[in-house]
Amino acid sequence: MKFWKLASALAAFAVFFSASVAAEAADPENTMIITLKDGDVTIALDPKLAPKHVAQIKKLVREGAYDNVAFHRVIDGFMAQTGDVQYGDMKDGYDSGAVGTGGSELPDLPAEFSKRARFTRGVVGMARAQSPDSANSQFFIMFGPAPSLDGQYTIVGKVESGMELVDAIKKGDEAQNGVVSEPDRMIKVRIAADK
């Protein structure tokens, strides 16, 4: 009889724990929704990991800066990169020769590297130039684990749903470091709290 009481208590705790984690993960103010050609990708942003980067992403989302921006660099099995609001807008000013080198009018950010967060499937990280303090607007979504990136790039969140849609993003040319000709794009990006 005691075994069943313990099992019931553990089951109740598991349900409570799962619900509380889901509630925390579903914070609308820190949930970014990216509409792709096949549907929505939901990303839980983590301001505890990278408060300055998350704040900048949310500002750009709310300005509409990410709408129609290309996935300009997509490497099968590694990651899909987007967010060049300067040269990547496929409706207004797309520049295939410069895409991937631009940012936004906002300042570059100091690195917010984490010792506890790891680059695994679905993790969203900030792209940067050679300087660790050069992330601005570009970000990437991981197709698989990449331990070599741990502690080298800022992690801002993780895909909660729609990863199969990320998997379907048009891949780039491996011989050209993943550069995509006629790339897919983020049709619309919004923060869930802004309905």
C-alpha atoms as a PDB file:
ATOM      1  CA  MET A   1       0.000   0.000   0.000  1.00  0.00           C
ATOM      2  CA  LYS A   2       2.822   2.399   0.829  1.00  0.00           C
ATOM      3  CA  PHE A   3       4.341   1.816  -2.613  1.00  0.00           C
ATOM      4  CA  TRP A   4       1.134   3.002  -4.333  1.00  0.00           C
ATOM      5  CA  LYS A   5       1.001   6.138  -2.168  1.00  0.00           C
ATOM      6  CA  LEU A   6       4.601   6.926  -3.040  1.00  0.00           C
ATOM      7  CA  ALA A   7       3.954   6.270  -6.735  1.00  0.00           C
ATOM      8  CA  SER A   8       0.865   8.518  -6.646  1.00  0.00           C
ATOM      9  CA  ALA A   9       2.791  11.275  -4.894  1.00  0.00           C
ATOM     10  CA  LEU A  10       5.611  11.054  -7.437  1.00  0.00           C
ATOM     11  CA  ALA A  11       3.131  11.117 -10.322  1.00  0.00           C
ATOM     12  CA  ALA A  12       1.407  14.189  -8.864  1.00  0.00           C
ATOM     13  CA  PHE A  13       4.782  15.921  -8.435  1.00  0.00           C
ATOM     14  CA  ALA A  14       5.733  15.087 -12.016  1.00  0.00           C
ATOM     15  CA  VAL A  15       2.480  16.606 -13.316  1.00  0.00           C
ATOM     16  CA  PHE A  16       2.961  19.713 -11.141  1.00  0.00           C
ATOM     17  CA  PHE A  17       6.614  20.069 -12.187  1.00  0.00           C
ATOM     18  CA  SER A  18       5.768  19.651 -15.892  1.00  0.00           C
ATOM     19  CA  ALA A  19       2.973  22.210 -15.631  1.00  0.00           C
ATOM     20  CA  SER A  20       5.179  24.745 -13.853  1.00  0.00           C
ATOM     21  CA  VAL A  21       7.982  24.308 -16.393  1.00  0.00           C
ATOM     22  CA  ALA A  22       5.472  24.657 -19.252  1.00  0.00           C
ATOM     23  CA  ALA A  23       3.996  27.770 -17.638  1.00  0.00           C
ATOM     24  CA  GLU A  24       7.450  29.316 -17.298  1.00  0.00           C
ATOM     25  CA  ALA A  25       8.416  28.373 -20.853  1.00  0.00           C
ATOM     26  CA  ALA A  26       5.152  29.806 -22.207  1.00  0.00           C
ATOM     27  CA  ASP A  27       5.772  33.373 -20.937  1.00  0.00           C
ATOM     28  CA  PRO A  28       4.163  35.390 -23.773  1.00  0.00           C
ATOM     29  CA  GLU A  29       6.515  38.344 -23.222  1.00  0.00           C
ATOM     30  CA  ASN A  30       9.509  36.100 -23.962  1.00  0.00           C
ATOM     31  CA  THR A  31       7.977  33.955 -26.695  1.00  0.00           C
ATOM     32  CA  MET A  32       8.951  34.762 -30.271  1.00  0.00           C
ATOM     33  CA  ILE A  33       6.832  33.360 -33.095  1.00  0.00           C
ATOM     34  CA  ILE A  34       8.361  33.137 -36.557  1.00  0.00           C
ATOM     35  CA  THR A  35       5.953  32.489 -39.424  1.00  0.00           C
ATOM     36  CA  LEU A  36       7.586  30.467 -42.195  1.00  0.00           C
ATOM     37  CA  LYS A  37       6.047  29.378 -45.500  1.00  0.00           C
ATOM     38  CA  ASP A  38       4.844  26.129 -43.891  1.00  0.00           C
ATOM     39  CA  GLY A  39       3.695  27.444 -40.493  1.00  0.00           C
ATOM     40  CA  ASP A  40       4.833  28.902 -37.168  1.00  0.00           C
ATOM     41  CA  VAL A  41       7.993  28.238 -35.180  1.00  0.00           C
ATOM     42  CA  THR A  42       7.714  29.125 -31.488  1.00  0.00           C
ATOM     43  CA  ILE A  43      10.890  30.105 -29.649  1.00  0.00           C
ATOM     44  CA  ALA A  44      11.201  30.561 -25.889  1.00  0.00           C
ATOM     45  CA  LEU A  45      13.607  33.457 -25.369  1.00  0.00           C
ATOM     46  CA  ASP A  46      15.642  33.326 -22.144  1.00  0.00           C
ATOM     47  CA  PRO A  47      16.390  36.760 -20.656  1.00  0.00           C
ATOM     48  CA  LYS A  48      18.115  35.097 -17.694  1.00  0.00           C
ATOM     49  CA  LEU A  49      20.800  33.762 -20.049  1.00  0.00           C
ATOM     50  CA  ALA A  50      21.234  36.860 -22.207  1.00  0.00           C
ATOM     51  CA  PRO A  51      19.180  39.869 -21.052  1.00  0.00           C
ATOM     52  CA  LYS A  52      20.731  42.426 -23.435  1.00  0.00           C
ATOM     53  CA  HIS A  53      20.504  40.174 -26.488  1.00  0.00           C
ATOM     54  CA  VAL A  54      16.916  39.135 -25.759  1.00  0.00           C
ATOM     55  CA  ALA A  55      15.917  42.784 -25.240  1.00  0.00           C
ATOM     56  CA  GLN A  56      17.489  43.743 -28.599  1.00  0.00           C
ATOM     57  CA  ILE A  57      15.777  40.868 -30.434  1.00  0.00           C
ATOM     58  CA  LYS A  58      12.407  41.840 -28.953  1.00  0.00           C
ATOM     59  CA  LYS A  59      12.945  45.491 -29.924  1.00  0.00           C
ATOM     60  CA  LEU A  60      13.723  44.468 -33.521  1.00  0.00           C
ATOM     61  CA  VAL A  61      10.724  42.116 -33.612  1.00  0.00           C
ATOM     62  CA  ARG A  62       8.424  44.877 -32.380  1.00  0.00           C
ATOM     63  CA  GLU A  63       9.789  47.272 -35.019  1.00  0.00           C
ATOM     64  CA  GLY A  64       8.985  44.697 -37.724  1.00  0.00           C
ATOM     65  CA  ALA A  65      12.662  44.563 -38.675  1.00  0.00           C
ATOM     66  CA  TYR A  66      12.742  40.756 -39.014  1.00  0.00           C
ATOM     67  CA  ASP A  67       9.723  40.501 -41.328  1.00  0.00           C
ATOM     68  CA  ASN A  68      10.687  39.115 -44.762  1.00  0.00           C
ATOM     69  CA  VAL A  69      14.327  38.568 -43.762  1.00  0.00           C
ATOM     70  CA  ALA A  70      16.104  35.676 -45.505  1.00  0.00           C
ATOM     71  CA  PHE A  71      17.672  32.536 -44.094  1.00  0.00           C
ATOM     72  CA  HIS A  72      20.821  33.446 -45.998  1.00  0.00           C
ATOM     73  CA  ARG A  73      23.160  30.753 -44.633  1.00  0.00           C
ATOM     74  CA  VAL A  74      21.827  27.250 -43.986  1.00  0.00           C
ATOM     75  CA  ILE A  75      24.142  24.291 -43.431  1.00  0.00           C
ATOM     76  CA  ASP A  76      22.497  20.867 -43.376  1.00  0.00           C
ATOM     77  CA  GLY A  77      22.984  19.160 -40.016  1.00  0.00           C
ATOM     78  CA  PHE A  78      24.441  22.327 -38.454  1.00  0.00           C
ATOM     79  CA  MET A  79      22.308  25.494 -38.437  1.00  0.00           C
ATOM     80  CA  ALA A  80      20.043  27.984 -40.240  1.00  0.00           C
ATOM     81  CA  GLN A  81      21.123  31.642 -39.993  1.00  0.00           C
ATOM     82  CA  THR A  82      18.921  34.692 -40.484  1.00  0.00           C
ATOM     83  CA  GLY A  83      18.337  38.160 -39.056  1.00  0.00           C
ATOM     84  CA  ASP A  84      20.413  40.426 -41.302  1.00  0.00           C
ATOM     85  CA  VAL A  85      17.902  43.274 -41.270  1.00  0.00           C
ATOM     86  CA  GLN A  86      20.256  45.555 -43.215  1.00  0.00           C
ATOM     87  CA  TYR A  87      20.790  43.387 -46.309  1.00  0.00           C
ATOM     88  CA  GLY A  88      18.423  40.442 -45.877  1.00  0.00           C
ATOM     89  CA  ASP A  89      14.951  41.972 -46.324  1.00  0.00           C
ATOM     90  CA  MET A  90      13.580  40.105 -49.340  1.00  0.00           C
ATOM     91  CA  LYS A  91      10.848  42.693 -49.984  1.00  0.00           C
ATOM     92  CA  ASP A  92      12.900  45.838 -49.505  1.00  0.00           C
ATOM     93  CA  GLY A  93      16.628  45.937 -50.150  1.00  0.00           C
ATOM     94  CA  TYR A  94      17.790  42.319 -50.387  1.00  0.00           C
ATOM     95  CA  ASP A  95      21.456  42.264 -51.400  1.00  0.00           C
ATOM     96  CA  SER A  96      22.698  38.759 -52.215  1.00  0.00           C
ATOM     97  CA  GLY A  97      26.312  39.938 -52.240  1.00  0.00           C
ATOM     98  CA  ALA A  98      26.197  41.603 -48.816  1.00  0.00           C
ATOM     99  CA  VAL A  99      23.624  39.545 -46.910  1.00  0.00           C
ATOM    100  CA  GLY A 100      25.215  38.090 -43.806  1.00  0.00           C
ATOM    101  CA  THR A 101      27.498  41.073 -43.265  1.00  0.00           C
ATOM    102  CA  GLY A 102      24.898  43.516 -41.972  1.00  0.00           C
ATOM    103  CA  GLY A 103      23.098  44.183 -38.730  1.00  0.00           C
ATOM    104  CA  SER A 104      20.681  46.821 -37.559  1.00  0.00           C
ATOM    105  CA  GLU A 105      20.878  50.475 -36.551  1.00  0.00           C
ATOM    106  CA  LEU A 106      21.087  49.352 -32.912  1.00  0.00           C
ATOM    107  CA  PRO A 107      24.522  49.006 -31.283  1.00  0.00           C
ATOM    108  CA  ASP A 108      26.492  45.760 -31.239  1.00  0.00           C
ATOM    109  CA  LEU A 109      26.232  43.886 -27.948  1.00  0.00           C
ATOM    110  CA  PRO A 110      28.795  42.646 -25.438  1.00  0.00           C
ATOM    111  CA  ALA A 111      28.959  38.848 -25.258  1.00  0.00           C
ATOM    112  CA  GLU A 112      26.670  37.112 -22.764  1.00  0.00           C
ATOM    113  CA  PHE A 113      28.215  33.641 -22.862  1.00  0.00           C
ATOM    114  CA  SER A 114      26.853  30.962 -20.556  1.00  0.00           C
ATOM    115  CA  LYS A 115      28.734  28.134 -18.861  1.00  0.00           C
ATOM    116  CA  ARG A 116      25.561  26.126 -18.294  1.00  0.00           C
ATOM    117  CA  ALA A 117      23.790  26.455 -21.666  1.00  0.00           C
ATOM    118  CA  ARG A 118      24.841  24.198 -24.525  1.00  0.00           C
ATOM    119  CA  PHE A 119      24.368  24.325 -28.289  1.00  0.00           C
ATOM    120  CA  THR A 120      22.012  21.422 -28.979  1.00  0.00           C
ATOM    121  CA  ARG A 121      19.199  20.839 -31.456  1.00  0.00           C
ATOM    122  CA  GLY A 122      16.729  23.740 -31.460  1.00  0.00           C
ATOM    123  CA  VAL A 123      18.958  26.159 -29.559  1.00  0.00           C
ATOM    124  CA  VAL A 124      18.971  29.743 -30.866  1.00  0.00           C
ATOM    125  CA  GLY A 125      22.292  31.597 -30.786  1.00  0.00           C
ATOM    126  CA  MET A 126      23.479  35.020 -31.866  1.00  0.00           C
ATOM    127  CA  ALA A 127      25.698  35.262 -34.928  1.00  0.00           C
ATOM    128  CA  ARG A 128      28.688  37.556 -34.671  1.00  0.00           C
ATOM    129  CA  ALA A 129      31.856  38.629 -36.465  1.00  0.00           C
ATOM    130  CA  GLN A 130      35.320  37.734 -35.147  1.00  0.00           C
ATOM    131  CA  SER A 131      34.948  39.917 -32.051  1.00  0.00           C
ATOM    132  CA  PRO A 132      32.918  38.249 -29.272  1.00  0.00           C
ATOM    133  CA  ASP A 133      31.237  41.636 -28.710  1.00  0.00           C
ATOM    134  CA  SER A 134      29.877  42.066 -32.253  1.00  0.00           C
ATOM    135  CA  ALA A 135      26.465  40.361 -32.151  1.00  0.00           C
ATOM    136  CA  ASN A 136      23.710  42.655 -33.359  1.00  0.00           C
ATOM    137  CA  SER A 137      20.606  41.281 -35.108  1.00  0.00           C
ATOM    138  CA  GLN A 138      21.578  38.013 -36.775  1.00  0.00           C
ATOM    139  CA  PHE A 139      20.794  34.698 -35.120  1.00  0.00           C
ATOM    140  CA  PHE A 140      20.864  31.014 -35.958  1.00  0.00           C
ATOM    141  CA  ILE A 141      18.853  27.919 -35.062  1.00  0.00           C
ATOM    142  CA  MET A 142      20.722  24.661 -34.515  1.00  0.00           C
ATOM    143  CA  PHE A 143      19.804  21.505 -36.453  1.00  0.00           C
ATOM    144  CA  GLY A 144      21.973  19.412 -34.137  1.00  0.00           C
ATOM    145  CA  PRO A 145      24.512  19.662 -31.316  1.00  0.00           C
ATOM    146  CA  ALA A 146      27.694  21.710 -31.804  1.00  0.00           C
ATOM    147  CA  PRO A 147      29.848  21.611 -28.642  1.00  0.00           C
ATOM    148  CA  SER A 148      32.512  23.724 -30.365  1.00  0.00           C
ATOM    149  CA  LEU A 149      30.154  26.726 -30.101  1.00  0.00           C
ATOM    150  CA  ASP A 150      29.634  26.362 -26.333  1.00  0.00           C
ATOM    151  CA  GLY A 151      30.965  29.411 -24.510  1.00  0.00           C
ATOM    152  CA  GLN A 152      31.834  31.098 -27.828  1.00  0.00           C
ATOM    153  CA  TYR A 153      28.427  32.423 -28.928  1.00  0.00           C
ATOM    154  CA  THR A 154      25.531  33.889 -26.947  1.00  0.00           C
ATOM    155  CA  ILE A 155      22.498  31.626 -26.503  1.00  0.00           C
ATOM    156  CA  VAL A 156      19.175  33.485 -26.456  1.00  0.00           C
ATOM    157  CA  GLY A 157      16.580  30.704 -26.414  1.00  0.00           C
ATOM    158  CA  LYS A 158      15.291  27.441 -27.804  1.00  0.00           C
ATOM    159  CA  VAL A 159      12.645  26.256 -30.246  1.00  0.00           C
ATOM    160  CA  GLU A 160       9.564  25.037 -28.353  1.00  0.00           C
ATOM    161  CA  SER A 161       7.521  23.942 -31.355  1.00  0.00           C
ATOM    162  CA  GLY A 162       7.851  23.852 -35.117  1.00  0.00           C
ATOM    163  CA  MET A 163      11.351  22.393 -35.309  1.00  0.00           C
ATOM    164  CA  GLU A 164      10.203  20.230 -38.223  1.00  0.00           C
ATOM    165  CA  LEU A 165       9.555  23.500 -40.106  1.00  0.00           C
ATOM    166  CA  VAL A 166      13.088  24.672 -39.358  1.00  0.00           C
ATOM    167  CA  ASP A 167      14.350  21.329 -40.703  1.00  0.00           C
ATOM    168  CA  ALA A 168      12.529  22.084 -43.974  1.00  0.00           C
ATOM    169  CA  ILE A 169      14.222  25.472 -44.565  1.00  0.00           C
ATOM    170  CA  LYS A 170      16.037  25.507 -47.916  1.00  0.00           C
ATOM    171  CA  LYS A 171      19.661  24.427 -47.453  1.00  0.00           C
ATOM    172  CA  GLY A 172      22.631  26.266 -48.875  1.00  0.00           C
ATOM    173  CA  ASP A 173      25.613  25.220 -50.943  1.00  0.00           C
ATOM    174  CA  GLU A 174      28.122  23.337 -48.776  1.00  0.00           C
ATOM    175  CA  ALA A 175      30.959  24.408 -51.076  1.00  0.00           C
ATOM    176  CA  GLN A 176      30.019  28.038 -50.335  1.00  0.00           C
ATOM    177  CA  ASN A 177      29.718  27.710 -46.528  1.00  0.00           C
ATOM    178  CA  GLY A 178      25.939  27.312 -46.668  1.00  0.00           C
ATOM    179  CA  VAL A 179      25.108  30.359 -48.803  1.00  0.00           C
ATOM    180  CA  VAL A 180      21.543  29.944 -50.089  1.00  0.00           C
ATOM    181  CA  SER A 181      20.412  31.077 -53.521  1.00  0.00           C
ATOM    182  CA  GLU A 182      16.731  32.103 -53.581  1.00  0.00           C
ATOM    183  CA  PRO A 183      16.471  31.547 -49.812  1.00  0.00           C
ATOM    184  CA  ASP A 184      13.457  30.948 -47.611  1.00  0.00           C
ATOM    185  CA  ARG A 185      12.517  33.826 -45.323  1.00  0.00           C
ATOM    186  CA  MET A 186      10.832  34.750 -42.069  1.00  0.00           C
ATOM    187  CA  ILE A 187       7.492  35.989 -43.368  1.00  0.00           C
ATOM    188  CA  LYS A 188       6.431  37.567 -40.095  1.00  0.00           C
ATOM    189  CA  VAL A 189       7.966  37.637 -36.606  1.00  0.00           C
ATOM    190  CA  ARG A 190       6.098  38.641 -33.468  1.00  0.00           C
ATOM    191  CA  ILE A 191       6.200  38.430 -29.690  1.00  0.00           C
ATOM    192  CA  ALA A 192       3.284  36.349 -28.359  1.00  0.00           C
ATOM    193  CA  ALA A 193       2.307  39.032 -25.823  1.00  0.00           C
ATOM    194  CA  ASP A 194       1.607  41.505 -28.635  1.00  0.00           C
ATOM    195  CA  LYS A 195      -1.431  39.740 -30.138  1.00  0.00           C
END
